Amino acid sequence: MSEILKMYASESDASLHTNPYVLPSPAYEGGLNQTHSTLVTSGRNSQGTVIGQRTMDRDLVKLTLKWSVLLNSDWQGMLSEIASAVGRTDGTGEGFYVWIRYYDAQANKFLTREFYPSDRTATVFMVDKTTGKPTLWKDCSINFIDTGNSKEYED
């Protein structure tokens, strides 16, 4: 799974495919979960039949990434890359919006889209006895949620 996921701190880097942060390969089993969600407006008519329609021209994607064990440098690197994101071109979302290159199963190709990170979770696994700092983390996970931005880039 080498280089299956890349993160970019700016849209400019994403569009040019420059300065990627290559995310560590997720866990072999269940380490990369992709959810596609269709946004709809819906309700029921007087006969109880659902009446609805799509609100976007594409589905939104949620990427759930999991690692069994990560070095402190890998976990810290991912968190720092997210914190260093420059945000949107209008100046909003600094340290929040990132661009992720991933394989989209529905489109059957690699796409780069704007995401925001949701929960980031890890448990300390090993600690350096001299410094007291973690050296290994276990059960690491990050959720990336598609912002719905219509811009996307292909390889």
C-alpha atoms as a PDB file:
ATOM      1  CA  MET A   1       0.000   0.000   0.000  1.00  0.00           C
ATOM      2  CA  SER A   2       2.957   2.302  -0.431  1.00  0.00           C
ATOM      3  CA  GLU A   3       1.991   5.900  -1.210  1.00  0.00           C
ATOM      4  CA  ILE A   4      -1.708   5.085  -1.499  1.00  0.00           C
ATOM      5  CA  LEU A   5      -2.475   8.190   0.583  1.00  0.00           C
ATOM      6  CA  LYS A   6      -0.860  11.593   0.261  1.00  0.00           C
ATOM      7  CA  MET A   7      -1.746  14.754   2.149  1.00  0.00           C
ATOM      8  CA  TYR A   8      -1.175  18.284   0.893  1.00  0.00           C
ATOM      9  CA  ALA A   9      -1.161  21.367   3.110  1.00  0.00           C
ATOM     10  CA  SER A  10      -2.524  23.650   0.371  1.00  0.00           C
ATOM     11  CA  GLU A  11      -4.725  23.535  -2.688  1.00  0.00           C
ATOM     12  CA  SER A  12      -1.837  24.844  -4.748  1.00  0.00           C
ATOM     13  CA  ASP A  13       0.304  21.842  -3.800  1.00  0.00           C
ATOM     14  CA  ALA A  14      -2.647  19.509  -4.386  1.00  0.00           C
ATOM     15  CA  SER A  15      -3.323  20.860  -7.871  1.00  0.00           C
ATOM     16  CA  LEU A  16       0.333  20.562  -8.871  1.00  0.00           C
ATOM     17  CA  HIS A  17       0.965  17.351  -6.888  1.00  0.00           C
ATOM     18  CA  THR A  18       3.964  18.969  -5.186  1.00  0.00           C
ATOM     19  CA  ASN A  19       5.225  18.744  -1.587  1.00  0.00           C
ATOM     20  CA  PRO A  20       3.117  15.755  -0.562  1.00  0.00           C
ATOM     21  CA  TYR A  21       3.208  14.294   2.909  1.00  0.00           C
ATOM     22  CA  VAL A  22       3.022  10.540   2.337  1.00  0.00           C
ATOM     23  CA  LEU A  23       0.911   8.969   5.050  1.00  0.00           C
ATOM     24  CA  PRO A  24       2.193   5.709   6.527  1.00  0.00           C
ATOM     25  CA  SER A  25       0.526   2.627   5.080  1.00  0.00           C
ATOM     26  CA  PRO A  26      -2.610   1.868   7.105  1.00  0.00           C
ATOM     27  CA  ALA A  27      -3.026  -1.438   8.934  1.00  0.00           C
ATOM     28  CA  TYR A  28      -3.289  -4.421   6.606  1.00  0.00           C
ATOM     29  CA  GLU A  29      -6.801  -5.458   7.633  1.00  0.00           C
ATOM     30  CA  GLY A  30      -9.363  -2.732   8.250  1.00  0.00           C
ATOM     31  CA  GLY A  31      -6.842   0.093   8.147  1.00  0.00           C
ATOM     32  CA  LEU A  32      -8.461   2.009   5.317  1.00  0.00           C
ATOM     33  CA  ASN A  33     -12.226   2.312   5.338  1.00  0.00           C
ATOM     34  CA  GLN A  34     -13.987   4.405   2.695  1.00  0.00           C
ATOM     35  CA  THR A  35     -17.586   5.542   3.161  1.00  0.00           C
ATOM     36  CA  HIS A  36     -19.599   7.234   0.397  1.00  0.00           C
ATOM     37  CA  SER A  37     -22.611   9.279   1.502  1.00  0.00           C
ATOM     38  CA  THR A  38     -25.310  10.701  -0.751  1.00  0.00           C
ATOM     39  CA  LEU A  39     -26.801  13.917   0.588  1.00  0.00           C
ATOM     40  CA  VAL A  40     -30.523  14.205  -0.034  1.00  0.00           C
ATOM     41  CA  THR A  41     -33.476  16.323   0.911  1.00  0.00           C
ATOM     42  CA  SER A  42     -36.311  14.035   1.774  1.00  0.00           C
ATOM     43  CA  GLY A  43     -39.674  13.730   3.377  1.00  0.00           C
ATOM     44  CA  ARG A  44     -42.834  11.679   2.997  1.00  0.00           C
ATOM     45  CA  ASN A  45     -45.986  12.582   1.140  1.00  0.00           C
ATOM     46  CA  SER A  46     -49.495  11.945   2.487  1.00  0.00           C
ATOM     47  CA  GLN A  47     -49.344   8.339   1.232  1.00  0.00           C
ATOM     48  CA  GLY A  48     -46.154   7.710   3.207  1.00  0.00           C
ATOM     49  CA  THR A  49     -43.940   7.453   0.126  1.00  0.00           C
ATOM     50  CA  VAL A  50     -40.451   8.978   0.433  1.00  0.00           C
ATOM     51  CA  ILE A  51     -40.019  12.032  -1.751  1.00  0.00           C
ATOM     52  CA  GLY A  52     -36.424  13.181  -2.081  1.00  0.00           C
ATOM     53  CA  GLN A  53     -33.638  14.283  -4.335  1.00  0.00           C
ATOM     54  CA  ARG A  54     -29.870  14.601  -4.280  1.00  0.00           C
ATOM     55  CA  THR A  55     -28.504  17.896  -3.017  1.00  0.00           C
ATOM     56  CA  MET A  56     -25.058  17.500  -4.626  1.00  0.00           C
ATOM     57  CA  ASP A  57     -23.845  16.160  -7.955  1.00  0.00           C
ATOM     58  CA  ARG A  58     -21.504  13.721  -6.195  1.00  0.00           C
ATOM     59  CA  ASP A  59     -21.268  11.645  -3.044  1.00  0.00           C
ATOM     60  CA  LEU A  60     -19.233  12.786  -0.055  1.00  0.00           C
ATOM     61  CA  VAL A  61     -16.403  10.561   1.152  1.00  0.00           C
ATOM     62  CA  LYS A  62     -15.211   9.729   4.643  1.00  0.00           C
ATOM     63  CA  LEU A  63     -11.804   8.086   5.005  1.00  0.00           C
ATOM     64  CA  THR A  64     -11.201   6.214   8.252  1.00  0.00           C
ATOM     65  CA  LEU A  65      -7.515   5.381   8.650  1.00  0.00           C
ATOM     66  CA  LYS A  66      -6.110   3.034  11.285  1.00  0.00           C
ATOM     67  CA  TRP A  67      -2.638   1.927  12.258  1.00  0.00           C
ATOM     68  CA  SER A  68      -1.880  -0.842  14.753  1.00  0.00           C
ATOM     69  CA  VAL A  69       1.385   0.756  15.877  1.00  0.00           C
ATOM     70  CA  LEU A  70       3.203   3.930  14.830  1.00  0.00           C
ATOM     71  CA  LEU A  71       6.513   5.456  15.756  1.00  0.00           C
ATOM     72  CA  ASN A  72       6.181   8.707  17.651  1.00  0.00           C
ATOM     73  CA  SER A  73       7.804  10.498  14.693  1.00  0.00           C
ATOM     74  CA  ASP A  74       5.130   9.180  12.294  1.00  0.00           C
ATOM     75  CA  TRP A  75       2.187  10.065  14.548  1.00  0.00           C
ATOM     76  CA  GLN A  76       3.622  13.485  15.381  1.00  0.00           C
ATOM     77  CA  GLY A  77       4.411  14.084  11.693  1.00  0.00           C
ATOM     78  CA  MET A  78       0.813  13.512  10.627  1.00  0.00           C
ATOM     79  CA  LEU A  79      -0.570  15.729  13.383  1.00  0.00           C
ATOM     80  CA  SER A  80       1.951  18.471  12.552  1.00  0.00           C
ATOM     81  CA  GLU A  81       1.135  18.310   8.847  1.00  0.00           C
ATOM     82  CA  ILE A  82      -2.546  18.841   9.629  1.00  0.00           C
ATOM     83  CA  ALA A  83      -1.716  21.751  11.952  1.00  0.00           C
ATOM     84  CA  SER A  84       0.456  23.368   9.252  1.00  0.00           C
ATOM     85  CA  ALA A  85      -2.274  23.324   6.593  1.00  0.00           C
ATOM     86  CA  VAL A  86      -2.703  26.761   5.043  1.00  0.00           C
ATOM     87  CA  GLY A  87      -6.466  26.479   4.630  1.00  0.00           C
ATOM     88  CA  ARG A  88      -8.538  27.777   1.783  1.00  0.00           C
ATOM     89  CA  THR A  89      -7.529  30.414  -0.727  1.00  0.00           C
ATOM     90  CA  ASP A  90      -9.923  32.865   0.977  1.00  0.00           C
ATOM     91  CA  GLY A  91      -7.815  32.586   4.146  1.00  0.00           C
ATOM     92  CA  THR A  92     -10.199  30.431   6.195  1.00  0.00           C
ATOM     93  CA  GLY A  93      -9.460  27.078   7.743  1.00  0.00           C
ATOM     94  CA  GLU A  94      -5.771  27.493   8.536  1.00  0.00           C
ATOM     95  CA  GLY A  95      -4.539  24.373  10.314  1.00  0.00           C
ATOM     96  CA  PHE A  96      -7.750  22.583   9.423  1.00  0.00           C
ATOM     97  CA  TYR A  97      -8.457  21.916   5.733  1.00  0.00           C
ATOM     98  CA  VAL A  98      -6.094  19.517   3.972  1.00  0.00           C
ATOM     99  CA  TRP A  99      -6.097  17.908   0.556  1.00  0.00           C
ATOM    100  CA  ILE A 100      -5.919  14.124   0.400  1.00  0.00           C
ATOM    101  CA  ARG A 101      -4.959  12.026  -2.613  1.00  0.00           C
ATOM    102  CA  TYR A 102      -6.673   8.666  -2.326  1.00  0.00           C
ATOM    103  CA  TYR A 103      -8.039   5.910  -4.513  1.00  0.00           C
ATOM    104  CA  ASP A 104     -11.764   6.495  -4.955  1.00  0.00           C
ATOM    105  CA  ALA A 105     -13.524   3.146  -5.396  1.00  0.00           C
ATOM    106  CA  GLN A 106     -16.610   4.714  -6.965  1.00  0.00           C
ATOM    107  CA  ALA A 107     -14.671   6.721  -9.556  1.00  0.00           C
ATOM    108  CA  ASN A 108     -12.133   3.894 -10.058  1.00  0.00           C
ATOM    109  CA  LYS A 109      -9.185   6.312  -9.999  1.00  0.00           C
ATOM    110  CA  PHE A 110      -6.990   8.395  -7.735  1.00  0.00           C
ATOM    111  CA  LEU A 111      -8.530  11.734  -6.784  1.00  0.00           C
ATOM    112  CA  THR A 112      -7.300  14.606  -4.659  1.00  0.00           C
ATOM    113  CA  ARG A 113     -10.026  16.390  -2.707  1.00  0.00           C
ATOM    114  CA  GLU A 114     -10.365  18.765   0.206  1.00  0.00           C
ATOM    115  CA  PHE A 115     -10.994  17.131   3.598  1.00  0.00           C
ATOM    116  CA  TYR A 116     -11.017  18.146   7.210  1.00  0.00           C
ATOM    117  CA  PRO A 117      -9.669  15.907   9.963  1.00  0.00           C
ATOM    118  CA  SER A 118     -12.143  14.677  12.515  1.00  0.00           C
ATOM    119  CA  ASP A 119     -11.132  12.646  15.555  1.00  0.00           C
ATOM    120  CA  ARG A 120      -7.463  11.755  15.880  1.00  0.00           C
ATOM    121  CA  THR A 121      -6.911   8.999  18.434  1.00  0.00           C
ATOM    122  CA  ALA A 122      -3.895   7.069  19.716  1.00  0.00           C
ATOM    123  CA  THR A 123      -2.842   5.243  22.872  1.00  0.00           C
ATOM    124  CA  VAL A 124       0.674   5.463  24.296  1.00  0.00           C
ATOM    125  CA  PHE A 125       2.328   2.063  23.859  1.00  0.00           C
ATOM    126  CA  MET A 126       5.981   2.569  24.823  1.00  0.00           C
ATOM    127  CA  VAL A 127       7.774   5.376  26.646  1.00  0.00           C
ATOM    128  CA  ASP A 128      11.471   6.300  26.656  1.00  0.00           C
ATOM    129  CA  LYS A 129      12.552   5.846  30.274  1.00  0.00           C
ATOM    130  CA  THR A 130      15.126   8.629  30.017  1.00  0.00           C
ATOM    131  CA  THR A 131      12.980  11.387  28.451  1.00  0.00           C
ATOM    132  CA  GLY A 132       9.523  10.228  29.487  1.00  0.00           C
ATOM    133  CA  LYS A 133       8.311  10.788  25.924  1.00  0.00           C
ATOM    134  CA  PRO A 134       6.321   8.201  23.987  1.00  0.00           C
ATOM    135  CA  THR A 135       8.318   6.243  21.421  1.00  0.00           C
ATOM    136  CA  LEU A 136       5.441   4.126  20.104  1.00  0.00           C
ATOM    137  CA  TRP A 137       1.693   4.654  19.828  1.00  0.00           C
ATOM    138  CA  LYS A 138      -0.910   1.924  19.294  1.00  0.00           C
ATOM    139  CA  ASP A 139      -4.479   1.864  17.995  1.00  0.00           C
ATOM    140  CA  CYS A 140      -3.922   5.075  16.037  1.00  0.00           C
ATOM    141  CA  SER A 141      -6.722   6.442  13.877  1.00  0.00           C
ATOM    142  CA  ILE A 142      -7.728   9.558  11.954  1.00  0.00           C
ATOM    143  CA  ASN A 143     -10.985  10.309  10.170  1.00  0.00           C
ATOM    144  CA  PHE A 144     -10.913  12.602   7.156  1.00  0.00           C
ATOM    145  CA  ILE A 145     -14.260  14.043   6.065  1.00  0.00           C
ATOM    146  CA  ASP A 146     -14.876  15.333   2.529  1.00  0.00           C
ATOM    147  CA  THR A 147     -15.758  19.049   2.672  1.00  0.00           C
ATOM    148  CA  GLY A 148     -17.916  18.897  -0.458  1.00  0.00           C
ATOM    149  CA  ASN A 149     -15.643  21.365  -2.267  1.00  0.00           C
ATOM    150  CA  SER A 150     -16.353  20.897  -5.974  1.00  0.00           C
ATOM    151  CA  LYS A 151     -12.674  21.164  -6.895  1.00  0.00           C
ATOM    152  CA  GLU A 152     -10.841  17.895  -7.364  1.00  0.00           C
ATOM    153  CA  TYR A 153      -7.620  16.889  -9.041  1.00  0.00           C
ATOM    154  CA  GLU A 154      -6.702  13.684 -10.845  1.00  0.00           C
ATOM    155  CA  ASP A 155      -3.251  12.206 -11.379  1.00  0.00           C
END
